[in-house]
Amino acid sequence: MNGVKKEHLPSKICPVCRLPFSWRKKWERNWERVKYCSERCRREAKLKRSTS
């Protein structure tokens, strides 16, 4: 994805905070499996699952 402008990158909506987030280079190999915008939201989701 070299030389692609930020507005043309794929994006998703985080299920925890409901905010959109864009593709990042570190997610290049597993973008299909990325669900959360941040480590904080991932931990929050894990917390909610274990308490319910």
PDB file of N, CA and C in Angstrom:
ATOM      1  N   MET A   1       0.826  -1.198   0.000  1.00  0.00           N
ATOM      2  CA  MET A   1       0.000   0.000   0.000  1.00  0.00           C
ATOM      3  C   MET A   1       0.869   1.261   0.000  1.00  0.00           C
ATOM      4  N   ASN A   2       1.976   1.204  -0.665  1.00  0.00           N
ATOM      5  CA  ASN A   2       2.862   2.368  -0.714  1.00  0.00           C
ATOM      6  C   ASN A   2       2.234   3.512  -1.481  1.00  0.00           C
ATOM      7  N   GLY A   3       2.378   4.709  -0.959  1.00  0.00           N
ATOM      8  CA  GLY A   3       1.918   5.894  -1.645  1.00  0.00           C
ATOM      9  C   GLY A   3       0.419   6.099  -1.672  1.00  0.00           C
ATOM     10  N   VAL A   4      -0.316   5.412  -0.831  1.00  0.00           N
ATOM     11  CA  VAL A   4      -1.772   5.571  -0.785  1.00  0.00           C
ATOM     12  C   VAL A   4      -2.120   6.647   0.227  1.00  0.00           C
ATOM     13  N   LYS A   5      -2.964   7.572  -0.178  1.00  0.00           N
ATOM     14  CA  LYS A   5      -3.366   8.635   0.739  1.00  0.00           C
ATOM     15  C   LYS A   5      -4.256   8.071   1.840  1.00  0.00           C
ATOM     16  N   LYS A   6      -4.175   8.680   3.005  1.00  0.00           N
ATOM     17  CA  LYS A   6      -4.900   8.189   4.179  1.00  0.00           C
ATOM     18  C   LYS A   6      -6.400   8.060   3.932  1.00  0.00           C
ATOM     19  N   GLU A   7      -6.986   8.987   3.206  1.00  0.00           N
ATOM     20  CA  GLU A   7      -8.432   8.911   2.981  1.00  0.00           C
ATOM     21  C   GLU A   7      -8.837   7.733   2.093  1.00  0.00           C
ATOM     22  N   HIS A   8      -7.855   7.097   1.433  1.00  0.00           N
ATOM     23  CA  HIS A   8      -8.153   5.954   0.567  1.00  0.00           C
ATOM     24  C   HIS A   8      -7.841   4.613   1.218  1.00  0.00           C
ATOM     25  N   LEU A   9      -7.401   4.624   2.477  1.00  0.00           N
ATOM     26  CA  LEU A   9      -7.107   3.385   3.179  1.00  0.00           C
ATOM     27  C   LEU A   9      -8.409   2.726   3.641  1.00  0.00           C
ATOM     28  N   PRO A  10      -8.423   1.396   3.733  1.00  0.00           N
ATOM     29  CA  PRO A  10      -9.618   0.732   4.259  1.00  0.00           C
ATOM     30  C   PRO A  10      -9.825   1.101   5.726  1.00  0.00           C
ATOM     31  N   SER A  11     -11.058   1.072   6.173  1.00  0.00           N
ATOM     32  CA  SER A  11     -11.337   1.380   7.572  1.00  0.00           C
ATOM     33  C   SER A  11     -12.417   0.451   8.103  1.00  0.00           C
ATOM     34  N   LYS A  12     -12.515   0.407   9.422  1.00  0.00           N
ATOM     35  CA  LYS A  12     -13.506  -0.410  10.130  1.00  0.00           C
ATOM     36  C   LYS A  12     -14.034   0.404  11.301  1.00  0.00           C
ATOM     37  N   ILE A  13     -15.112  -0.088  11.911  1.00  0.00           N
ATOM     38  CA  ILE A  13     -15.671   0.533  13.113  1.00  0.00           C
ATOM     39  C   ILE A  13     -15.344  -0.379  14.294  1.00  0.00           C
ATOM     40  N   CYS A  14     -14.771   0.198  15.328  1.00  0.00           N
ATOM     41  CA  CYS A  14     -14.433  -0.565  16.533  1.00  0.00           C
ATOM     42  C   CYS A  14     -15.719  -0.926  17.275  1.00  0.00           C
ATOM     43  N   PRO A  15     -15.918  -2.197  17.620  1.00  0.00           N
ATOM     44  CA  PRO A  15     -17.150  -2.600  18.315  1.00  0.00           C
ATOM     45  C   PRO A  15     -17.229  -2.113  19.768  1.00  0.00           C
ATOM     46  N   VAL A  16     -16.130  -1.689  20.342  1.00  0.00           N
ATOM     47  CA  VAL A  16     -16.125  -1.226  21.735  1.00  0.00           C
ATOM     48  C   VAL A  16     -16.428   0.266  21.823  1.00  0.00           C
ATOM     49  N   CYS A  17     -15.630   1.087  21.139  1.00  0.00           N
ATOM     50  CA  CYS A  17     -15.804   2.538  21.243  1.00  0.00           C
ATOM     51  C   CYS A  17     -16.652   3.117  20.107  1.00  0.00           C
ATOM     52  N   ARG A  18     -16.988   2.290  19.123  1.00  0.00           N
ATOM     53  CA  ARG A  18     -17.838   2.693  17.985  1.00  0.00           C
ATOM     54  C   ARG A  18     -17.231   3.796  17.113  1.00  0.00           C
ATOM     55  N   LEU A  19     -15.905   3.959  17.162  1.00  0.00           N
ATOM     56  CA  LEU A  19     -15.234   4.951  16.333  1.00  0.00           C
ATOM     57  C   LEU A  19     -14.561   4.270  15.144  1.00  0.00           C
ATOM     58  N   PRO A  20     -14.474   4.971  14.017  1.00  0.00           N
ATOM     59  CA  PRO A  20     -13.797   4.386  12.858  1.00  0.00           C
ATOM     60  C   PRO A  20     -12.280   4.390  13.048  1.00  0.00           C
ATOM     61  N   PHE A  21     -11.623   3.376  12.513  1.00  0.00           N
ATOM     62  CA  PHE A  21     -10.164   3.348  12.512  1.00  0.00           C
ATOM     63  C   PHE A  21      -9.691   2.832  11.168  1.00  0.00           C
ATOM     64  N   SER A  22      -8.510   3.292  10.759  1.00  0.00           N
ATOM     65  CA  SER A  22      -7.980   2.979   9.433  1.00  0.00           C
ATOM     66  C   SER A  22      -6.891   1.918   9.493  1.00  0.00           C
ATOM     67  N   TRP A  23      -6.663   1.322   8.340  1.00  0.00           N
ATOM     68  CA  TRP A  23      -5.607   0.336   8.143  1.00  0.00           C
ATOM     69  C   TRP A  23      -4.263   0.905   8.575  1.00  0.00           C
ATOM     70  N   ARG A  24      -3.450   0.063   9.189  1.00  0.00           N
ATOM     71  CA  ARG A  24      -2.094   0.449   9.575  1.00  0.00           C
ATOM     72  C   ARG A  24      -1.116  -0.578   9.036  1.00  0.00           C
ATOM     73  N   LYS A  25       0.087  -0.154   8.777  1.00  0.00           N
ATOM     74  CA  LYS A  25       1.128  -1.029   8.233  1.00  0.00           C
ATOM     75  C   LYS A  25       1.317  -2.272   9.105  1.00  0.00           C
ATOM     76  N   LYS A  26       1.270  -2.109  10.433  1.00  0.00           N
ATOM     77  CA  LYS A  26       1.490  -3.259  11.325  1.00  0.00           C
ATOM     78  C   LYS A  26       0.375  -4.307  11.210  1.00  0.00           C
ATOM     79  N   TRP A  27      -0.778  -3.923  10.650  1.00  0.00           N
ATOM     80  CA  TRP A  27      -1.894  -4.861  10.462  1.00  0.00           C
ATOM     81  C   TRP A  27      -1.924  -5.434   9.054  1.00  0.00           C
ATOM     82  N   GLU A  28      -0.893  -5.184   8.267  1.00  0.00           N
ATOM     83  CA  GLU A  28      -0.886  -5.563   6.855  1.00  0.00           C
ATOM     84  C   GLU A  28      -1.194  -7.042   6.636  1.00  0.00           C
ATOM     85  N   ARG A  29      -0.611  -7.916   7.431  1.00  0.00           N
ATOM     86  CA  ARG A  29      -0.775  -9.360   7.219  1.00  0.00           C
ATOM     87  C   ARG A  29      -2.084  -9.923   7.755  1.00  0.00           C
ATOM     88  N   ASN A  30      -2.728  -9.228   8.697  1.00  0.00           N
ATOM     89  CA  ASN A  30      -3.937  -9.794   9.301  1.00  0.00           C
ATOM     90  C   ASN A  30      -5.074  -8.786   9.428  1.00  0.00           C
ATOM     91  N   TRP A  31      -5.225  -7.891   8.481  1.00  0.00           N
ATOM     92  CA  TRP A  31      -6.274  -6.871   8.516  1.00  0.00           C
ATOM     93  C   TRP A  31      -7.657  -7.500   8.647  1.00  0.00           C
ATOM     94  N   GLU A  32      -7.876  -8.650   8.043  1.00  0.00           N
ATOM     95  CA  GLU A  32      -9.188  -9.305   8.111  1.00  0.00           C
ATOM     96  C   GLU A  32      -9.538  -9.707   9.538  1.00  0.00           C
ATOM     97  N   ARG A  33      -8.524 -10.007  10.362  1.00  0.00           N
ATOM     98  CA  ARG A  33      -8.767 -10.448  11.740  1.00  0.00           C
ATOM     99  C   ARG A  33      -8.776  -9.309  12.751  1.00  0.00           C
ATOM    100  N   VAL A  34      -8.381  -8.104  12.354  1.00  0.00           N
ATOM    101  CA  VAL A  34      -8.345  -6.956  13.274  1.00  0.00           C
ATOM    102  C   VAL A  34      -9.778  -6.522  13.575  1.00  0.00           C
ATOM    103  N   LYS A  35     -10.111  -6.445  14.873  1.00  0.00           N
ATOM    104  CA  LYS A  35     -11.461  -6.051  15.282  1.00  0.00           C
ATOM    105  C   LYS A  35     -11.486  -4.726  16.031  1.00  0.00           C
ATOM    106  N   TYR A  36     -10.435  -4.465  16.787  1.00  0.00           N
ATOM    107  CA  TYR A  36     -10.430  -3.327  17.698  1.00  0.00           C
ATOM    108  C   TYR A  36      -9.423  -2.266  17.260  1.00  0.00           C
ATOM    109  N   CYS A  37      -9.719  -1.004  17.579  1.00  0.00           N
ATOM    110  CA  CYS A  37      -8.867   0.112  17.162  1.00  0.00           C
ATOM    111  C   CYS A  37      -7.601   0.216  17.996  1.00  0.00           C
ATOM    112  N   SER A  38      -7.628  -0.335  19.212  1.00  0.00           N
ATOM    113  CA  SER A  38      -6.482  -0.185  20.104  1.00  0.00           C
ATOM    114  C   SER A  38      -6.407  -1.353  21.083  1.00  0.00           C
ATOM    115  N   GLU A  39      -5.283  -1.441  21.735  1.00  0.00           N
ATOM    116  CA  GLU A  39      -5.091  -2.452  22.777  1.00  0.00           C
ATOM    117  C   GLU A  39      -6.074  -2.204  23.923  1.00  0.00           C
ATOM    118  N   ARG A  40      -6.334  -0.950  24.213  1.00  0.00           N
ATOM    119  CA  ARG A  40      -7.275  -0.603  25.281  1.00  0.00           C
ATOM    120  C   ARG A  40      -8.670  -1.162  24.986  1.00  0.00           C
ATOM    121  N   CYS A  41      -9.150  -0.984  23.764  1.00  0.00           N
ATOM    122  CA  CYS A  41     -10.477  -1.499  23.402  1.00  0.00           C
ATOM    123  C   CYS A  41     -10.490  -3.033  23.394  1.00  0.00           C
ATOM    124  N   ARG A  42      -9.380  -3.633  22.983  1.00  0.00           N
ATOM    125  CA  ARG A  42      -9.307  -5.096  22.988  1.00  0.00           C
ATOM    126  C   ARG A  42      -9.417  -5.625  24.416  1.00  0.00           C
ATOM    127  N   ARG A  43      -8.689  -4.987  25.350  1.00  0.00           N
ATOM    128  CA  ARG A  43      -8.756  -5.388  26.758  1.00  0.00           C
ATOM    129  C   ARG A  43     -10.144  -5.164  27.333  1.00  0.00           C
ATOM    130  N   GLU A  44     -10.755  -4.040  26.983  1.00  0.00           N
ATOM    131  CA  GLU A  44     -12.112  -3.716  27.454  1.00  0.00           C
ATOM    132  C   GLU A  44     -13.109  -4.790  27.013  1.00  0.00           C
ATOM    133  N   ALA A  45     -13.011  -5.222  25.773  1.00  0.00           N
ATOM    134  CA  ALA A  45     -13.910  -6.249  25.248  1.00  0.00           C
ATOM    135  C   ALA A  45     -13.684  -7.568  25.984  1.00  0.00           C
ATOM    136  N   LYS A  46     -12.431  -7.895  26.238  1.00  0.00           N
ATOM    137  CA  LYS A  46     -12.106  -9.121  26.952  1.00  0.00           C
ATOM    138  C   LYS A  46     -12.664  -9.078  28.372  1.00  0.00           C
ATOM    139  N   LEU A  47     -12.566  -7.920  29.018  1.00  0.00           N
ATOM    140  CA  LEU A  47     -13.114  -7.722  30.369  1.00  0.00           C
ATOM    141  C   LEU A  47     -14.621  -7.929  30.395  1.00  0.00           C
ATOM    142  N   LYS A  48     -15.299  -7.341  29.423  1.00  0.00           N
ATOM    143  CA  LYS A  48     -16.764  -7.444  29.348  1.00  0.00           C
ATOM    144  C   LYS A  48     -17.200  -8.894  29.141  1.00  0.00           C
ATOM    145  N   ARG A  49     -16.450  -9.633  28.323  1.00  0.00           N
ATOM    146  CA  ARG A  49     -16.792 -11.029  28.065  1.00  0.00           C
ATOM    147  C   ARG A  49     -16.605 -11.894  29.314  1.00  0.00           C
ATOM    148  N   SER A  50     -15.563 -11.629  30.087  1.00  0.00           N
ATOM    149  CA  SER A  50     -15.293 -12.457  31.260  1.00  0.00           C
ATOM    150  C   SER A  50     -16.218 -12.160  32.430  1.00  0.00           C
ATOM    151  N   THR A  51     -16.798 -10.955  32.484  1.00  0.00           N
ATOM    152  CA  THR A  51     -17.695 -10.606  33.589  1.00  0.00           C
ATOM    153  C   THR A  51     -19.148 -10.954  33.302  1.00  0.00           C
ATOM    154  N   SER A  52     -19.484 -11.194  32.050  1.00  0.00           N
ATOM    155  CA  SER A  52     -20.887 -11.511  31.759  1.00  0.00           C
ATOM    156  C   SER A  52     -21.138 -12.984  31.624  1.00  0.00           C
TER     157      SER A  52
END
